[in-house]
Amino acid sequence: MANFYINTIRNDKRFNSEERIDDINLLEPVTRKIVQNIIEQARLNGLELMVFETYRSQQRQALLYAQGATKLQNVGVHHYGLACDIVKNVGGDPSWKGDFSLLGQLAYHNKILWGGDWGTPNIKHSFIDDDHVQRCTIGRQAMLFSGMWYPDSTYDPYQDL
């Protein structure tokens, strides 16, 4: 099953990098366009955002887990070009301070899941990731990680909850 992960990400020289990668070209094309739309829409609403991390290798995931910076020991949705961490841009520097609810609203409007509620705002979640968006439901992650599924261009995670 050819897809963006197989054709692009696995062939990228940074595939095994332990460095943080913020290259939007390593986001699957629909996900990339959504992230760009969110950043532009936030700007129009007076909030400057920036991409902090797109692709994340298994090596980086393991390093972050060992440092206590993530709760996931194994690679997550970032590894497949379907997730992005979007933070506030304060004078060109990333900031995680304050409210990220506008990101959540824009994510919903653009049909991508926000880590503040994972697409289910009426459920209390034990893990909140306010600066994270992803185009894959929690329920689809096992299939994504096993290589059995990858979203097509028409996939809407809100129709898959």
Protein backbone atom coordinates (compact mmCIF):
# COMPACT_ATOMS: atom_id res chain seq x y z
CA MET A 1 0.00 0.00 0.00
CA ALA A 2 1.86 3.06 -1.27
CA ASN A 3 1.29 6.23 0.74
CA PHE A 4 3.07 9.38 1.88
CA TYR A 5 4.78 7.55 4.74
CA ILE A 6 6.23 4.86 2.47
CA ASN A 7 7.02 7.09 -0.51
CA THR A 8 8.34 10.17 1.26
CA ILE A 9 9.03 9.83 4.97
CA ARG A 10 10.82 6.48 4.90
CA ASN A 11 13.08 7.80 2.13
CA ASP A 12 13.95 11.05 3.89
CA LYS A 13 17.53 11.35 5.18
CA ARG A 14 16.14 12.43 8.57
CA PHE A 15 14.13 9.22 9.05
CA ASN A 16 16.32 8.13 12.03
CA SER A 17 17.16 11.61 13.33
CA GLU A 18 17.13 12.34 17.06
CA GLU A 19 16.68 16.04 16.29
CA ARG A 20 13.40 17.94 16.45
CA ILE A 21 12.04 18.40 12.92
CA ASP A 22 9.66 21.21 12.03
CA ASP A 23 9.64 20.74 8.25
CA ILE A 24 6.03 20.96 7.03
CA ASN A 25 7.05 19.03 3.91
CA LEU A 26 7.19 15.96 6.14
CA LEU A 27 3.48 16.33 6.83
CA GLU A 28 1.18 14.30 4.60
CA PRO A 29 -0.23 16.78 2.01
CA VAL A 30 -3.77 17.08 3.42
CA THR A 31 -2.42 17.39 6.96
CA ARG A 32 0.11 19.99 5.76
CA LYS A 33 -2.61 22.10 4.13
CA ILE A 34 -4.77 21.91 7.26
CA VAL A 35 -1.85 23.03 9.46
CA GLN A 36 -1.13 25.93 7.11
CA ASN A 37 -4.82 26.91 7.18
CA ILE A 38 -4.92 26.80 10.98
CA ILE A 39 -1.86 29.05 11.29
CA GLU A 40 -3.33 31.56 8.82
CA GLN A 41 -6.77 31.50 10.47
CA ALA A 42 -5.19 32.02 13.90
CA ARG A 43 -3.25 35.00 12.53
CA LEU A 44 -6.52 36.48 11.24
CA ASN A 45 -7.86 36.06 14.80
CA GLY A 46 -4.86 37.88 16.29
CA LEU A 47 -2.90 34.83 17.44
CA GLU A 48 0.54 34.11 16.01
CA LEU A 49 1.28 30.40 15.87
CA MET A 50 4.23 28.41 14.57
CA VAL A 51 4.99 24.80 13.71
CA PHE A 52 7.16 23.31 16.44
CA GLU A 53 7.42 19.64 15.43
CA THR A 54 6.16 17.62 12.50
CA TYR A 55 7.95 14.32 11.85
CA ARG A 56 9.39 12.41 14.82
CA SER A 57 11.59 9.34 14.44
CA GLN A 58 11.46 6.26 16.64
CA GLN A 59 14.90 7.25 17.93
CA ARG A 60 13.69 10.71 18.98
CA GLN A 61 10.54 9.24 20.52
CA ALA A 62 12.65 6.88 22.66
CA LEU A 63 14.93 9.76 23.69
CA LEU A 64 11.96 11.97 24.68
CA TYR A 65 10.40 9.08 26.60
CA ALA A 66 13.65 8.48 28.51
CA GLN A 67 13.72 12.20 29.39
CA GLY A 68 10.12 12.08 30.60
CA ALA A 69 9.02 14.52 27.89
CA THR A 70 6.40 12.15 26.42
CA LYS A 71 4.18 9.42 27.77
CA LEU A 72 4.51 7.32 24.62
CA GLN A 73 7.50 4.99 24.64
CA ASN A 74 7.06 3.96 21.04
CA VAL A 75 6.55 6.14 18.03
CA GLY A 76 3.29 8.01 17.69
CA VAL A 77 1.32 9.64 14.89
CA HIS A 78 4.14 12.19 14.30
CA HIS A 79 6.17 9.35 12.77
CA TYR A 80 3.68 9.02 9.91
CA GLY A 81 3.37 12.66 8.86
CA LEU A 82 -0.11 12.93 10.33
CA ALA A 83 0.57 15.00 13.47
CA CYS A 84 1.97 18.40 14.25
CA ASP A 85 2.76 20.37 17.39
CA ILE A 86 1.71 23.99 16.91
CA VAL A 87 2.78 26.52 19.53
CA LYS A 88 2.45 30.24 20.08
CA ASN A 89 4.97 32.41 18.28
CA VAL A 90 6.21 35.09 20.68
CA GLY A 91 8.79 37.24 18.92
CA GLY A 92 9.97 34.26 16.88
CA ASP A 93 10.30 32.00 19.93
CA PRO A 94 8.00 29.08 20.75
CA SER A 95 5.70 29.45 23.75
CA TRP A 96 3.39 27.00 25.46
CA LYS A 97 2.01 29.59 27.91
CA GLY A 98 -1.65 30.43 28.11
CA ASP A 99 -4.80 29.15 26.51
CA PHE A 100 -4.79 26.97 23.39
CA SER A 101 -8.56 26.77 22.98
CA LEU A 102 -8.46 28.75 19.71
CA LEU A 103 -6.20 26.04 18.30
CA GLY A 104 -8.84 23.52 19.35
CA GLN A 105 -11.62 25.49 17.65
CA LEU A 106 -9.60 25.89 14.46
CA ALA A 107 -8.66 22.21 14.50
CA TYR A 108 -12.32 21.22 14.71
CA HIS A 109 -13.24 23.67 11.94
CA ASN A 110 -10.50 22.17 9.73
CA LYS A 111 -11.38 18.52 10.49
CA ILE A 112 -8.26 17.57 12.40
CA LEU A 113 -8.19 16.30 15.99
CA TRP A 114 -6.83 18.53 18.75
CA GLY A 115 -4.90 17.01 21.64
CA GLY A 116 -6.90 19.13 24.07
CA ASP A 117 -9.93 16.87 23.67
CA TRP A 118 -8.98 14.23 21.04
CA GLY A 119 -12.21 14.97 19.16
CA THR A 120 -14.43 14.07 22.10
CA PRO A 121 -14.86 17.19 24.25
CA ASN A 122 -17.56 15.59 26.42
CA ILE A 123 -15.16 12.90 27.69
CA LYS A 124 -12.63 13.58 30.45
CA HIS A 125 -9.21 12.63 29.10
CA SER A 126 -6.26 11.53 31.21
CA PHE A 127 -3.77 12.84 28.64
CA ILE A 128 -4.06 16.39 27.31
CA ASP A 129 -1.69 17.72 24.64
CA ASP A 130 -2.91 21.27 23.98
CA ASP A 131 -0.39 22.09 21.24
CA HIS A 132 -0.94 18.88 19.24
CA VAL A 133 -3.15 18.16 16.22
CA GLN A 134 -3.43 14.89 14.30
CA ARG A 135 -5.37 13.47 11.36
CA CYS A 136 -5.91 10.04 12.88
CA THR A 137 -8.29 8.97 15.63
CA ILE A 138 -7.01 7.20 18.73
CA GLY A 139 -9.00 4.17 17.58
CA ARG A 140 -7.14 4.04 14.24
CA GLN A 141 -3.65 4.35 15.70
CA ALA A 142 -2.98 0.62 16.09
CA MET A 143 -3.86 0.03 12.44
CA LEU A 144 -1.68 2.99 11.38
CA PHE A 145 1.28 1.76 13.44
CA SER A 146 0.98 -1.78 12.04
CA GLY A 147 0.91 -0.55 8.44
CA MET A 148 -2.63 -1.83 7.88
CA TRP A 149 -4.16 1.64 7.36
CA TYR A 150 -3.23 5.12 6.16
CA PRO A 151 -5.77 7.89 5.57
CA ASP A 152 -6.73 8.85 2.05
CA SER A 153 -7.27 12.46 1.04
CA THR A 154 -10.98 12.35 1.93
CA TYR A 155 -10.52 10.98 5.46
CA ASP A 156 -12.34 12.96 8.16
CA PRO A 157 -11.38 11.80 11.67
CA TYR A 158 -14.61 13.23 13.09
CA GLN A 159 -16.54 10.72 10.98
CA ASP A 160 -14.36 7.94 12.44
CA LEU A 161 -14.78 8.55 16.19
